[in-house]
Structures are given as structure tokens and as C-alpha cells.
Amino acid sequence: MNENRTEKKMRKFYFVDYENVSRAGLKGIDELGKKDKVYIFYSSYANSLSFNEYESLMKTKAEVVCYEVSTVGKNALDFQLSSFIGYVVGQNDNAVFYIISKDNGYLNVVNFWRTKNIRIQMLNNIEMPPKNVNVKKSQIAELLAETELELTEEDILTVRDIMRGCIKENAAPINKVKSAINTELCRKFGNNSTKIIYNAIKPLIQ
């Protein structure tokens, strides 16, 4: 079965670092289904909603739970949210977990759970879909044909596989995806060719 279709059928849990993403992180919450659940962690530094955001919360079919982090101290919210993710993961099999934040520190949490075969990603907001992992060889070939490089069909397939793998494994943020693709291309093609290849395929990295 297609992996994306499988994920659509699985229950989804969203952990929102409201202190980090604020109102923008809630974009798309009104499109969630009744099986979905959203945990919003906020503090005195970020505890307000506009009328539109409040209206979206009222419209959503998802269950929404808000937690106020009253403990003071640097990264207090991050630590509590990360700890709570572990609790929810342990209570729910066959689910997908999303951390809504732009804080790269959560990538440590994502990488840990992925070693345990847990489906977990970081997103900038609830609406942001998983990045497209189905980039086609024909798209890459067309872009690379305009360069000075003489690449074989095997080379083009390698570029495609590198892109798919990095996009899939580094769902967010986008700078992490770009860095991973560049690193893997360098390992295969060297620095000089990678610069040309990367600049050519850049339009496909969304």
C-alpha cells in the first residue's frame, strides 16, 4: 500500500510549540478530522489568539487540548513538550506524530523516535503537508540537460533517489532538506559537479 495513503488512515497527533510558532502554527487546524488530536503548549510569553484563530479552534473536528507551561526557565516549554510526546507515543500505536515548531532542537526528538520506527515529523504549521517525495526522473533529466555536465541515466536516477531519500527523512524545516541533499550529492559527485547539479534541481526542492 502507498505510504502516504497509509498515513492518511492513521490517527494524527499534533504538538504545537505555541511559544515558537505563535498563531501561524495553527494554520490548517480547522481542516483536521475527528480522529486527530492537537496539543497546544503555551506560556505567558505567548498566550493570545486572534478572533480568526479562535474561530478556527471552534470549527475544527479535532480534539484540542491546551497546556499552560507556568514553570520559568530557559527551554521550559520545550522540555515539557518533548517529555509529553514520549508519553503520547507510548500510549498510541499505529499513529503519526507532528511537532509544530521551527526550533531545530526538536530534530533530536524526531531522530530518536525514528530509530524506534515511529512516524514523526516536524512542520512549521498544521496545514503544511509532507513534502513531495515523488519527484520524477524526467523532471530532473530536463533540468540537468540544460547544464554542461554529461550525466548518464544512472547518474540521473542517483540524483532522483538522493532527493527522494532526503526529502522523506528530513520532512522539515526546508533548510535541513537542502543541506542533506547537498551533502549526499557531494559524496557521490564531488564539490564541483554538485554545485551545478544542485543549482539545476533547486526548483524541485520545495
N, C-alpha and C. Protein backbone atom coordinates (compact mmCIF):
# COMPACT_ATOMS: atom_id res chain seq x y z
N MET A 1 0.85 -1.20 0.00
CA MET A 1 0.00 0.00 0.00
C MET A 1 0.88 1.24 0.00
N ASN A 2 0.44 2.27 -0.71
CA ASN A 2 1.18 3.53 -0.75
C ASN A 2 1.33 4.10 0.63
N GLU A 3 2.56 4.54 0.98
CA GLU A 3 2.85 5.02 2.33
C GLU A 3 2.03 6.23 2.70
N ASN A 4 1.84 7.17 1.74
CA ASN A 4 1.07 8.37 2.03
C ASN A 4 -0.39 8.04 2.31
N ARG A 5 -0.94 7.05 1.57
CA ARG A 5 -2.31 6.63 1.82
C ARG A 5 -2.45 5.99 3.19
N THR A 6 -1.42 5.23 3.57
CA THR A 6 -1.45 4.60 4.89
C THR A 6 -1.49 5.64 5.99
N GLU A 7 -0.66 6.70 5.85
CA GLU A 7 -0.61 7.75 6.86
C GLU A 7 -1.95 8.48 6.98
N LYS A 8 -2.65 8.63 5.84
CA LYS A 8 -3.93 9.34 5.88
C LYS A 8 -4.95 8.59 6.74
N LYS A 9 -4.82 7.26 6.82
CA LYS A 9 -5.76 6.46 7.58
C LYS A 9 -5.37 6.38 9.06
N MET A 10 -4.16 6.74 9.38
CA MET A 10 -3.68 6.65 10.75
C MET A 10 -4.10 7.87 11.54
N ARG A 11 -4.26 7.69 12.86
CA ARG A 11 -4.60 8.83 13.71
C ARG A 11 -3.40 9.76 13.79
N LYS A 12 -3.68 11.05 13.79
CA LYS A 12 -2.61 12.04 13.80
C LYS A 12 -2.63 12.85 15.09
N PHE A 13 -1.44 13.05 15.65
CA PHE A 13 -1.27 13.85 16.86
C PHE A 13 -0.34 15.02 16.53
N TYR A 14 -0.78 16.20 16.93
CA TYR A 14 -0.01 17.41 16.68
C TYR A 14 0.40 18.04 18.01
N PHE A 15 1.68 18.38 18.14
CA PHE A 15 2.21 19.00 19.35
C PHE A 15 2.69 20.40 18.97
N VAL A 16 1.98 21.41 19.38
CA VAL A 16 2.26 22.78 18.95
C VAL A 16 3.07 23.53 20.00
N ASP A 17 4.26 23.96 19.61
CA ASP A 17 5.08 24.84 20.44
C ASP A 17 4.61 26.26 20.15
N TYR A 18 3.57 26.69 20.83
CA TYR A 18 2.95 27.98 20.52
C TYR A 18 3.88 29.15 20.81
N GLU A 19 4.76 28.95 21.74
CA GLU A 19 5.75 29.98 22.07
C GLU A 19 6.67 30.23 20.89
N ASN A 20 6.88 29.20 20.08
CA ASN A 20 7.77 29.31 18.93
C ASN A 20 7.05 29.73 17.65
N VAL A 21 5.93 29.09 17.34
CA VAL A 21 5.26 29.36 16.06
C VAL A 21 4.11 30.34 16.18
N SER A 22 3.64 30.58 17.40
CA SER A 22 2.54 31.51 17.64
C SER A 22 1.31 31.14 16.79
N ARG A 23 0.56 32.15 16.38
CA ARG A 23 -0.70 31.91 15.68
C ARG A 23 -0.51 31.22 14.33
N ALA A 24 0.61 31.51 13.67
CA ALA A 24 0.87 30.93 12.35
C ALA A 24 0.92 29.41 12.39
N GLY A 25 1.32 28.85 13.52
CA GLY A 25 1.43 27.40 13.63
C GLY A 25 0.10 26.68 13.62
N LEU A 26 -0.97 27.41 13.92
CA LEU A 26 -2.30 26.80 13.96
C LEU A 26 -3.00 26.79 12.61
N LYS A 27 -2.36 27.37 11.61
CA LYS A 27 -2.97 27.41 10.29
C LYS A 27 -3.28 26.00 9.80
N GLY A 28 -4.53 25.77 9.41
CA GLY A 28 -4.94 24.46 8.93
C GLY A 28 -5.64 23.61 9.97
N ILE A 29 -5.73 24.09 11.20
CA ILE A 29 -6.33 23.29 12.26
C ILE A 29 -7.81 23.01 12.00
N ASP A 30 -8.47 23.93 11.29
CA ASP A 30 -9.90 23.75 11.01
C ASP A 30 -10.16 22.67 9.95
N GLU A 31 -9.08 22.15 9.32
CA GLU A 31 -9.23 21.11 8.30
C GLU A 31 -9.01 19.71 8.85
N LEU A 32 -8.68 19.60 10.13
CA LEU A 32 -8.40 18.29 10.71
C LEU A 32 -9.67 17.49 10.92
N GLY A 33 -9.50 16.17 11.02
CA GLY A 33 -10.63 15.28 11.21
C GLY A 33 -10.89 14.95 12.67
N LYS A 34 -11.98 14.24 12.91
CA LYS A 34 -12.40 13.96 14.28
C LYS A 34 -11.49 12.97 15.00
N LYS A 35 -10.67 12.23 14.25
CA LYS A 35 -9.73 11.30 14.87
C LYS A 35 -8.43 11.99 15.29
N ASP A 36 -8.23 13.19 14.83
CA ASP A 36 -6.98 13.90 15.11
C ASP A 36 -7.02 14.57 16.48
N LYS A 37 -5.83 14.79 17.03
CA LYS A 37 -5.75 15.43 18.34
C LYS A 37 -4.61 16.44 18.33
N VAL A 38 -4.88 17.62 18.89
CA VAL A 38 -3.90 18.70 18.90
C VAL A 38 -3.60 19.10 20.34
N TYR A 39 -2.33 19.11 20.69
CA TYR A 39 -1.88 19.58 22.00
C TYR A 39 -1.16 20.91 21.80
N ILE A 40 -1.67 21.95 22.41
CA ILE A 40 -1.06 23.27 22.28
C ILE A 40 -0.37 23.63 23.59
N PHE A 41 0.93 23.78 23.53
CA PHE A 41 1.72 24.17 24.70
C PHE A 41 2.02 25.67 24.59
N TYR A 42 1.59 26.43 25.59
CA TYR A 42 1.80 27.88 25.55
C TYR A 42 2.31 28.36 26.90
N SER A 43 2.77 29.61 26.93
CA SER A 43 3.28 30.19 28.17
C SER A 43 2.81 31.63 28.25
N SER A 44 3.21 32.31 29.31
CA SER A 44 2.82 33.71 29.47
C SER A 44 3.44 34.60 28.39
N TYR A 45 4.49 34.09 27.73
CA TYR A 45 5.13 34.84 26.67
C TYR A 45 4.34 34.78 25.36
N ALA A 46 3.48 33.79 25.25
CA ALA A 46 2.67 33.62 24.03
C ALA A 46 1.37 32.95 24.44
N ASN A 47 0.35 33.74 24.66
CA ASN A 47 -0.91 33.17 25.17
C ASN A 47 -2.15 33.85 24.60
N SER A 48 -2.01 34.50 23.44
CA SER A 48 -3.16 35.20 22.87
C SER A 48 -3.56 34.61 21.52
N LEU A 49 -4.83 34.77 21.18
CA LEU A 49 -5.38 34.31 19.91
C LEU A 49 -6.18 35.44 19.28
N SER A 50 -6.13 35.52 17.96
CA SER A 50 -6.99 36.48 17.28
C SER A 50 -8.38 35.86 17.17
N PHE A 51 -9.34 36.66 16.78
CA PHE A 51 -10.69 36.14 16.62
C PHE A 51 -10.73 35.04 15.56
N ASN A 52 -9.96 35.21 14.47
CA ASN A 52 -9.94 34.21 13.41
C ASN A 52 -9.39 32.87 13.91
N GLU A 53 -8.31 32.93 14.70
CA GLU A 53 -7.75 31.68 15.23
C GLU A 53 -8.72 31.01 16.19
N TYR A 54 -9.38 31.82 17.01
CA TYR A 54 -10.37 31.27 17.94
C TYR A 54 -11.50 30.60 17.16
N GLU A 55 -11.90 31.24 16.07
CA GLU A 55 -12.97 30.68 15.24
C GLU A 55 -12.54 29.34 14.62
N SER A 56 -11.29 29.26 14.21
CA SER A 56 -10.77 28.01 13.64
C SER A 56 -10.78 26.90 14.69
N LEU A 57 -10.42 27.24 15.92
CA LEU A 57 -10.45 26.25 17.00
C LEU A 57 -11.86 25.73 17.23
N MET A 58 -12.83 26.61 17.09
CA MET A 58 -14.22 26.22 17.30
C MET A 58 -14.73 25.35 16.14
N LYS A 59 -14.19 25.57 14.96
CA LYS A 59 -14.66 24.84 13.77
C LYS A 59 -14.05 23.45 13.64
N THR A 60 -12.84 23.28 14.16
CA THR A 60 -12.14 22.02 13.92
C THR A 60 -12.86 20.82 14.53
N LYS A 61 -12.79 19.71 13.83
CA LYS A 61 -13.37 18.46 14.33
C LYS A 61 -12.40 17.74 15.26
N ALA A 62 -11.16 18.16 15.22
CA ALA A 62 -10.14 17.52 16.06
C ALA A 62 -10.33 17.86 17.53
N GLU A 63 -9.82 16.99 18.39
CA GLU A 63 -9.82 17.27 19.82
C GLU A 63 -8.62 18.16 20.13
N VAL A 64 -8.87 19.27 20.81
CA VAL A 64 -7.80 20.22 21.12
C VAL A 64 -7.61 20.32 22.62
N VAL A 65 -6.37 20.15 23.06
CA VAL A 65 -6.04 20.23 24.48
C VAL A 65 -4.95 21.28 24.65
N CYS A 66 -5.14 22.21 25.55
CA CYS A 66 -4.15 23.27 25.78
C CYS A 66 -3.47 23.08 27.13
N TYR A 67 -2.16 23.24 27.12
CA TYR A 67 -1.38 23.13 28.34
C TYR A 67 -0.60 24.43 28.56
N GLU A 68 -0.81 25.04 29.70
CA GLU A 68 -0.04 26.22 30.05
C GLU A 68 1.22 25.81 30.79
N VAL A 69 2.35 26.25 30.32
CA VAL A 69 3.63 25.96 30.97
C VAL A 69 3.95 27.13 31.88
N SER A 70 3.77 26.92 33.16
CA SER A 70 3.96 28.00 34.12
C SER A 70 5.37 28.04 34.70
N THR A 71 6.11 26.94 34.53
CA THR A 71 7.47 26.87 35.04
C THR A 71 8.36 27.86 34.29
N VAL A 72 9.10 28.64 35.04
CA VAL A 72 10.01 29.60 34.40
C VAL A 72 11.34 28.93 34.10
N GLY A 73 12.11 29.55 33.23
CA GLY A 73 13.41 29.00 32.90
C GLY A 73 13.54 28.77 31.41
N LYS A 74 14.77 28.85 30.93
CA LYS A 74 15.04 28.66 29.51
C LYS A 74 14.64 27.28 29.05
N ASN A 75 13.92 27.21 27.95
CA ASN A 75 13.51 25.95 27.32
C ASN A 75 12.54 25.13 28.16
N ALA A 76 11.88 25.75 29.13
CA ALA A 76 10.94 25.00 29.97
C ALA A 76 9.84 24.38 29.13
N LEU A 77 9.29 25.14 28.20
CA LEU A 77 8.22 24.61 27.36
C LEU A 77 8.74 23.47 26.47
N ASP A 78 9.92 23.64 25.91
CA ASP A 78 10.49 22.62 25.03
C ASP A 78 10.64 21.29 25.76
N PHE A 79 11.15 21.36 26.99
CA PHE A 79 11.38 20.14 27.76
C PHE A 79 10.06 19.44 28.08
N GLN A 80 9.06 20.21 28.48
CA GLN A 80 7.78 19.61 28.84
C GLN A 80 7.08 19.03 27.61
N LEU A 81 7.14 19.74 26.49
CA LEU A 81 6.52 19.24 25.27
C LEU A 81 7.21 17.95 24.82
N SER A 82 8.53 17.94 24.85
CA SER A 82 9.28 16.75 24.43
C SER A 82 8.97 15.55 25.31
N SER A 83 8.87 15.80 26.62
CA SER A 83 8.54 14.72 27.55
C SER A 83 7.13 14.19 27.29
N PHE A 84 6.21 15.11 27.01
CA PHE A 84 4.83 14.72 26.78
C PHE A 84 4.68 13.91 25.49
N ILE A 85 5.50 14.23 24.49
CA ILE A 85 5.48 13.46 23.25
C ILE A 85 5.77 12.00 23.54
N GLY A 86 6.77 11.74 24.38
CA GLY A 86 7.11 10.37 24.74
C GLY A 86 5.94 9.65 25.39
N TYR A 87 5.22 10.36 26.24
CA TYR A 87 4.05 9.77 26.90
C TYR A 87 2.98 9.39 25.89
N VAL A 88 2.68 10.30 24.96
CA VAL A 88 1.62 10.05 23.96
C VAL A 88 2.03 8.95 22.99
N VAL A 89 3.28 8.95 22.57
CA VAL A 89 3.77 7.90 21.68
C VAL A 89 3.60 6.53 22.34
N GLY A 90 3.92 6.46 23.61
CA GLY A 90 3.81 5.20 24.32
C GLY A 90 2.38 4.70 24.49
N GLN A 91 1.42 5.62 24.40
CA GLN A 91 0.02 5.27 24.59
C GLN A 91 -0.71 4.97 23.28
N ASN A 92 -0.06 5.21 22.15
CA ASN A 92 -0.76 5.11 20.87
C ASN A 92 0.06 4.39 19.82
N ASP A 93 -0.44 3.24 19.39
CA ASP A 93 0.17 2.51 18.29
C ASP A 93 -0.48 2.96 16.98
N ASN A 94 0.17 2.68 15.88
CA ASN A 94 -0.39 2.96 14.55
C ASN A 94 -0.87 4.41 14.43
N ALA A 95 0.03 5.34 14.70
CA ALA A 95 -0.30 6.77 14.64
C ALA A 95 0.85 7.54 14.03
N VAL A 96 0.57 8.77 13.61
CA VAL A 96 1.58 9.67 13.08
C VAL A 96 1.65 10.88 14.00
N PHE A 97 2.87 11.34 14.27
CA PHE A 97 3.06 12.43 15.23
C PHE A 97 3.76 13.61 14.53
N TYR A 98 3.26 14.81 14.80
CA TYR A 98 3.81 16.01 14.19
C TYR A 98 4.17 17.03 15.27
N ILE A 99 5.40 17.52 15.23
CA ILE A 99 5.82 18.60 16.11
C ILE A 99 5.71 19.89 15.31
N ILE A 100 4.89 20.82 15.78
CA ILE A 100 4.71 22.08 15.07
C ILE A 100 5.62 23.12 15.70
N SER A 101 6.76 23.34 15.06
CA SER A 101 7.76 24.27 15.59
C SER A 101 8.83 24.51 14.53
N LYS A 102 9.52 25.64 14.66
CA LYS A 102 10.67 25.94 13.80
C LYS A 102 11.98 25.77 14.56
N ASP A 103 11.87 25.27 15.78
CA ASP A 103 13.04 25.09 16.64
C ASP A 103 13.76 23.79 16.26
N ASN A 104 14.95 23.91 15.70
CA ASN A 104 15.70 22.73 15.25
C ASN A 104 16.08 21.80 16.39
N GLY A 105 15.97 22.27 17.63
CA GLY A 105 16.27 21.41 18.76
C GLY A 105 15.38 20.18 18.82
N TYR A 106 14.18 20.29 18.27
CA TYR A 106 13.25 19.15 18.27
C TYR A 106 13.67 18.05 17.30
N LEU A 107 14.61 18.37 16.41
CA LEU A 107 15.08 17.33 15.49
C LEU A 107 15.72 16.17 16.25
N ASN A 108 16.27 16.45 17.42
CA ASN A 108 16.82 15.37 18.25
C ASN A 108 15.72 14.43 18.70
N VAL A 109 14.56 14.98 19.01
CA VAL A 109 13.40 14.16 19.39
C VAL A 109 12.93 13.34 18.19
N VAL A 110 12.83 14.00 17.04
CA VAL A 110 12.40 13.33 15.81
C VAL A 110 13.33 12.18 15.47
N ASN A 111 14.63 12.44 15.48
CA ASN A 111 15.61 11.42 15.11
C ASN A 111 15.59 10.24 16.08
N PHE A 112 15.39 10.53 17.37
CA PHE A 112 15.34 9.43 18.35
C PHE A 112 14.17 8.50 18.07
N TRP A 113 12.98 9.08 17.89
CA TRP A 113 11.80 8.23 17.69
C TRP A 113 11.82 7.51 16.36
N ARG A 114 12.47 8.10 15.37
CA ARG A 114 12.57 7.40 14.08
C ARG A 114 13.42 6.15 14.19
N THR A 115 14.39 6.14 15.11
CA THR A 115 15.18 4.92 15.32
C THR A 115 14.33 3.83 15.94
N LYS A 116 13.18 4.22 16.50
CA LYS A 116 12.25 3.25 17.09
C LYS A 116 11.09 2.94 16.13
N ASN A 117 11.28 3.35 14.85
CA ASN A 117 10.27 3.13 13.81
C ASN A 117 8.95 3.84 14.09
N ILE A 118 9.03 4.99 14.73
CA ILE A 118 7.85 5.82 14.97
C ILE A 118 7.75 6.85 13.85
N ARG A 119 6.56 7.03 13.32
CA ARG A 119 6.33 8.03 12.27
C ARG A 119 6.19 9.41 12.93
N ILE A 120 7.18 10.24 12.76
CA ILE A 120 7.16 11.55 13.39
C ILE A 120 7.86 12.57 12.49
N GLN A 121 7.32 13.77 12.44
CA GLN A 121 7.87 14.82 11.60
C GLN A 121 7.79 16.16 12.31
N MET A 122 8.60 17.09 11.82
CA MET A 122 8.48 18.48 12.24
C MET A 122 7.85 19.27 11.11
N LEU A 123 6.90 20.15 11.43
CA LEU A 123 6.26 21.02 10.45
C LEU A 123 6.21 22.44 10.99
N ASN A 124 6.16 23.41 10.09
CA ASN A 124 6.05 24.80 10.51
C ASN A 124 4.65 25.18 10.94
N ASN A 125 3.66 24.50 10.39
CA ASN A 125 2.27 24.71 10.79
C ASN A 125 1.47 23.46 10.49
N ILE A 126 0.27 23.41 11.02
CA ILE A 126 -0.56 22.22 10.88
C ILE A 126 -0.95 21.98 9.43
N GLU A 127 -1.11 23.04 8.68
CA GLU A 127 -1.56 22.92 7.30
C GLU A 127 -0.49 22.34 6.38
N MET A 128 0.78 22.60 6.69
CA MET A 128 1.86 22.19 5.80
C MET A 128 1.85 20.69 5.56
N PRO A 129 1.67 20.26 4.33
CA PRO A 129 1.65 18.82 4.04
C PRO A 129 3.05 18.25 4.02
N PRO A 130 3.18 16.92 4.16
CA PRO A 130 4.50 16.32 4.00
C PRO A 130 5.04 16.66 2.62
N LYS A 131 6.33 16.92 2.51
CA LYS A 131 6.90 17.32 1.23
C LYS A 131 6.80 16.18 0.21
N ASN A 132 6.70 16.57 -1.04
CA ASN A 132 6.54 15.59 -2.11
C ASN A 132 7.80 14.75 -2.27
N VAL A 133 7.66 13.45 -2.09
CA VAL A 133 8.80 12.55 -2.25
C VAL A 133 8.77 11.88 -3.63
N ASN A 134 7.83 12.26 -4.46
CA ASN A 134 7.65 11.60 -5.76
C ASN A 134 8.23 12.41 -6.92
N VAL A 135 9.33 13.11 -6.67
CA VAL A 135 9.98 13.84 -7.75
C VAL A 135 10.37 12.84 -8.85
N LYS A 136 10.12 13.19 -10.10
CA LYS A 136 10.29 12.25 -11.21
C LYS A 136 11.64 12.39 -11.89
N LYS A 137 12.11 11.27 -12.44
CA LYS A 137 13.37 11.27 -13.16
C LYS A 137 13.31 12.22 -14.36
N SER A 138 12.17 12.25 -15.04
CA SER A 138 12.02 13.10 -16.22
C SER A 138 12.17 14.58 -15.87
N GLN A 139 11.68 14.97 -14.69
CA GLN A 139 11.82 16.36 -14.25
C GLN A 139 13.28 16.72 -14.03
N ILE A 140 13.99 15.80 -13.39
CA ILE A 140 15.41 16.02 -13.11
C ILE A 140 16.21 16.03 -14.41
N ALA A 141 15.92 15.08 -15.30
CA ALA A 141 16.65 14.98 -16.57
C ALA A 141 16.49 16.24 -17.40
N GLU A 142 15.29 16.79 -17.40
CA GLU A 142 15.03 18.00 -18.17
C GLU A 142 15.86 19.17 -17.66
N LEU A 143 15.95 19.30 -16.35
CA LEU A 143 16.72 20.40 -15.76
C LEU A 143 18.23 20.21 -15.95
N LEU A 144 18.68 18.98 -15.80
CA LEU A 144 20.12 18.71 -15.92
C LEU A 144 20.59 18.76 -17.37
N ALA A 145 19.68 18.57 -18.30
CA ALA A 145 20.04 18.63 -19.72
C ALA A 145 20.50 20.02 -20.12
N GLU A 146 20.12 21.01 -19.34
CA GLU A 146 20.49 22.40 -19.64
C GLU A 146 21.86 22.77 -19.07
N THR A 147 22.49 21.83 -18.37
CA THR A 147 23.80 22.10 -17.79
C THR A 147 24.91 21.59 -18.71
N GLU A 148 26.15 21.88 -18.33
CA GLU A 148 27.31 21.44 -19.12
C GLU A 148 27.76 20.03 -18.78
N LEU A 149 27.13 19.42 -17.79
CA LEU A 149 27.54 18.09 -17.34
C LEU A 149 27.02 17.01 -18.29
N GLU A 150 27.81 15.97 -18.48
CA GLU A 150 27.40 14.82 -19.27
C GLU A 150 27.08 13.68 -18.30
N LEU A 151 25.83 13.62 -17.90
CA LEU A 151 25.40 12.64 -16.91
C LEU A 151 24.71 11.46 -17.58
N THR A 152 24.98 10.26 -17.06
CA THR A 152 24.33 9.07 -17.58
C THR A 152 22.94 8.92 -16.97
N GLU A 153 22.19 8.00 -17.50
CA GLU A 153 20.85 7.73 -16.95
C GLU A 153 20.97 7.25 -15.51
N GLU A 154 22.02 6.49 -15.24
CA GLU A 154 22.25 6.02 -13.87
C GLU A 154 22.52 7.18 -12.94
N ASP A 155 23.26 8.18 -13.42
CA ASP A 155 23.52 9.37 -12.61
C ASP A 155 22.22 10.10 -12.28
N ILE A 156 21.35 10.22 -13.25
CA ILE A 156 20.07 10.92 -13.04
C ILE A 156 19.21 10.16 -12.03
N LEU A 157 19.22 8.85 -12.13
CA LEU A 157 18.48 8.04 -11.15
C LEU A 157 19.06 8.21 -9.75
N THR A 158 20.38 8.34 -9.68
CA THR A 158 21.03 8.55 -8.38
C THR A 158 20.60 9.88 -7.78
N VAL A 159 20.57 10.92 -8.61
CA VAL A 159 20.12 12.24 -8.14
C VAL A 159 18.68 12.15 -7.64
N ARG A 160 17.84 11.47 -8.40
CA ARG A 160 16.44 11.32 -8.00
C ARG A 160 16.33 10.61 -6.65
N ASP A 161 17.07 9.52 -6.49
CA ASP A 161 16.99 8.75 -5.25
C ASP A 161 17.51 9.55 -4.06
N ILE A 162 18.55 10.34 -4.28
CA ILE A 162 19.08 11.19 -3.22
C ILE A 162 18.03 12.20 -2.79
N MET A 163 17.38 12.82 -3.77
CA MET A 163 16.35 13.82 -3.46
C MET A 163 15.19 13.19 -2.70
N ARG A 164 14.71 12.07 -3.18
CA ARG A 164 13.58 11.40 -2.52
C ARG A 164 13.92 11.01 -1.09
N GLY A 165 15.11 10.44 -0.93
CA GLY A 165 15.50 9.99 0.40
C GLY A 165 15.65 11.13 1.38
N CYS A 166 16.28 12.22 0.95
CA CYS A 166 16.50 13.36 1.85
C CYS A 166 15.19 14.08 2.17
N ILE A 167 14.33 14.21 1.19
CA ILE A 167 13.04 14.87 1.42
C ILE A 167 12.20 14.05 2.40
N LYS A 168 12.22 12.74 2.25
CA LYS A 168 11.44 11.86 3.11
C LYS A 168 11.95 11.85 4.53
N GLU A 169 13.27 11.82 4.69
CA GLU A 169 13.86 11.70 6.02
C GLU A 169 13.96 13.02 6.76
N ASN A 170 13.89 14.13 6.03
CA ASN A 170 14.03 15.45 6.65
C ASN A 170 12.81 16.29 6.31
N ALA A 171 11.66 15.88 6.85
CA ALA A 171 10.39 16.48 6.44
C ALA A 171 10.34 17.99 6.65
N ALA A 172 11.04 18.47 7.63
CA ALA A 172 11.05 19.91 7.90
C ALA A 172 12.18 20.18 8.87
N PRO A 173 12.71 21.36 8.90
CA PRO A 173 12.45 22.51 8.04
C PRO A 173 13.15 22.36 6.71
N ILE A 174 12.83 23.22 5.74
CA ILE A 174 13.33 23.08 4.38
C ILE A 174 14.83 23.23 4.30
N ASN A 175 15.45 24.05 5.17
CA ASN A 175 16.90 24.21 5.12
C ASN A 175 17.62 22.91 5.47
N LYS A 176 16.97 22.08 6.29
CA LYS A 176 17.53 20.78 6.64
C LYS A 176 17.52 19.86 5.42
N VAL A 177 16.43 19.91 4.65
CA VAL A 177 16.33 19.12 3.43
C VAL A 177 17.40 19.54 2.43
N LYS A 178 17.54 20.84 2.22
CA LYS A 178 18.52 21.35 1.26
C LYS A 178 19.94 20.94 1.64
N SER A 179 20.25 21.06 2.92
CA SER A 179 21.58 20.70 3.40
C SER A 179 21.87 19.22 3.19
N ALA A 180 20.87 18.37 3.47
CA ALA A 180 21.04 16.92 3.33
C ALA A 180 21.26 16.53 1.87
N ILE A 181 20.48 17.14 0.97
CA ILE A 181 20.63 16.86 -0.46
C ILE A 181 22.01 17.26 -0.94
N ASN A 182 22.45 18.44 -0.55
CA ASN A 182 23.77 18.94 -0.97
C ASN A 182 24.88 18.03 -0.47
N THR A 183 24.76 17.58 0.78
CA THR A 183 25.78 16.70 1.36
C THR A 183 25.87 15.37 0.61
N GLU A 184 24.71 14.78 0.33
CA GLU A 184 24.70 13.48 -0.36
C GLU A 184 25.17 13.60 -1.80
N LEU A 185 24.83 14.70 -2.46
CA LEU A 185 25.32 14.91 -3.82
C LEU A 185 26.84 15.04 -3.85
N CYS A 186 27.39 15.74 -2.85
CA CYS A 186 28.85 15.90 -2.77
C CYS A 186 29.54 14.56 -2.61
N ARG A 187 28.96 13.70 -1.82
CA ARG A 187 29.55 12.38 -1.60
C ARG A 187 29.61 11.57 -2.89
N LYS A 188 28.61 11.76 -3.73
CA LYS A 188 28.53 10.98 -4.96
C LYS A 188 29.26 11.64 -6.13
N PHE A 189 29.11 12.95 -6.29
CA PHE A 189 29.58 13.62 -7.50
C PHE A 189 30.74 14.60 -7.28
N GLY A 190 31.10 14.87 -6.02
CA GLY A 190 32.16 15.82 -5.76
C GLY A 190 31.65 17.25 -5.73
N ASN A 191 32.47 18.14 -5.20
CA ASN A 191 32.03 19.52 -4.96
C ASN A 191 31.68 20.29 -6.24
N ASN A 192 32.53 20.19 -7.26
CA ASN A 192 32.32 20.98 -8.47
C ASN A 192 31.03 20.60 -9.20
N SER A 193 30.84 19.32 -9.41
CA SER A 193 29.63 18.86 -10.12
C SER A 193 28.39 19.09 -9.28
N THR A 194 28.53 18.94 -7.97
CA THR A 194 27.38 19.12 -7.08
C THR A 194 26.83 20.53 -7.18
N LYS A 195 27.71 21.51 -7.27
CA LYS A 195 27.25 22.90 -7.37
C LYS A 195 26.36 23.10 -8.59
N ILE A 196 26.75 22.49 -9.71
CA ILE A 196 25.99 22.61 -10.95
C ILE A 196 24.67 21.84 -10.84
N ILE A 197 24.75 20.61 -10.31
CA ILE A 197 23.55 19.78 -10.17
C ILE A 197 22.55 20.43 -9.23
N TYR A 198 23.04 20.89 -8.10
CA TYR A 198 22.15 21.46 -7.09
C TYR A 198 21.43 22.71 -7.61
N ASN A 199 22.18 23.56 -8.28
CA ASN A 199 21.55 24.78 -8.83
C ASN A 199 20.50 24.44 -9.88
N ALA A 200 20.72 23.34 -10.61
CA ALA A 200 19.76 22.94 -11.64
C ALA A 200 18.46 22.39 -11.04
N ILE A 201 18.59 21.59 -9.99
CA ILE A 201 17.40 20.92 -9.43
C ILE A 201 16.73 21.74 -8.33
N LYS A 202 17.30 22.88 -8.00
CA LYS A 202 16.76 23.70 -6.91
C LYS A 202 15.26 23.99 -7.03
N PRO A 203 14.73 24.21 -8.24
CA PRO A 203 13.29 24.46 -8.35
C PRO A 203 12.40 23.31 -7.87
N LEU A 204 12.97 22.10 -7.82
CA LEU A 204 12.20 20.93 -7.39
C LEU A 204 12.21 20.75 -5.88
N ILE A 205 13.06 21.50 -5.19
CA ILE A 205 13.17 21.37 -3.74
C ILE A 205 12.26 22.41 -3.10
N GLN A 206 11.07 21.97 -2.75
CA GLN A 206 10.05 22.90 -2.21
C GLN A 206 9.87 22.64 -0.71
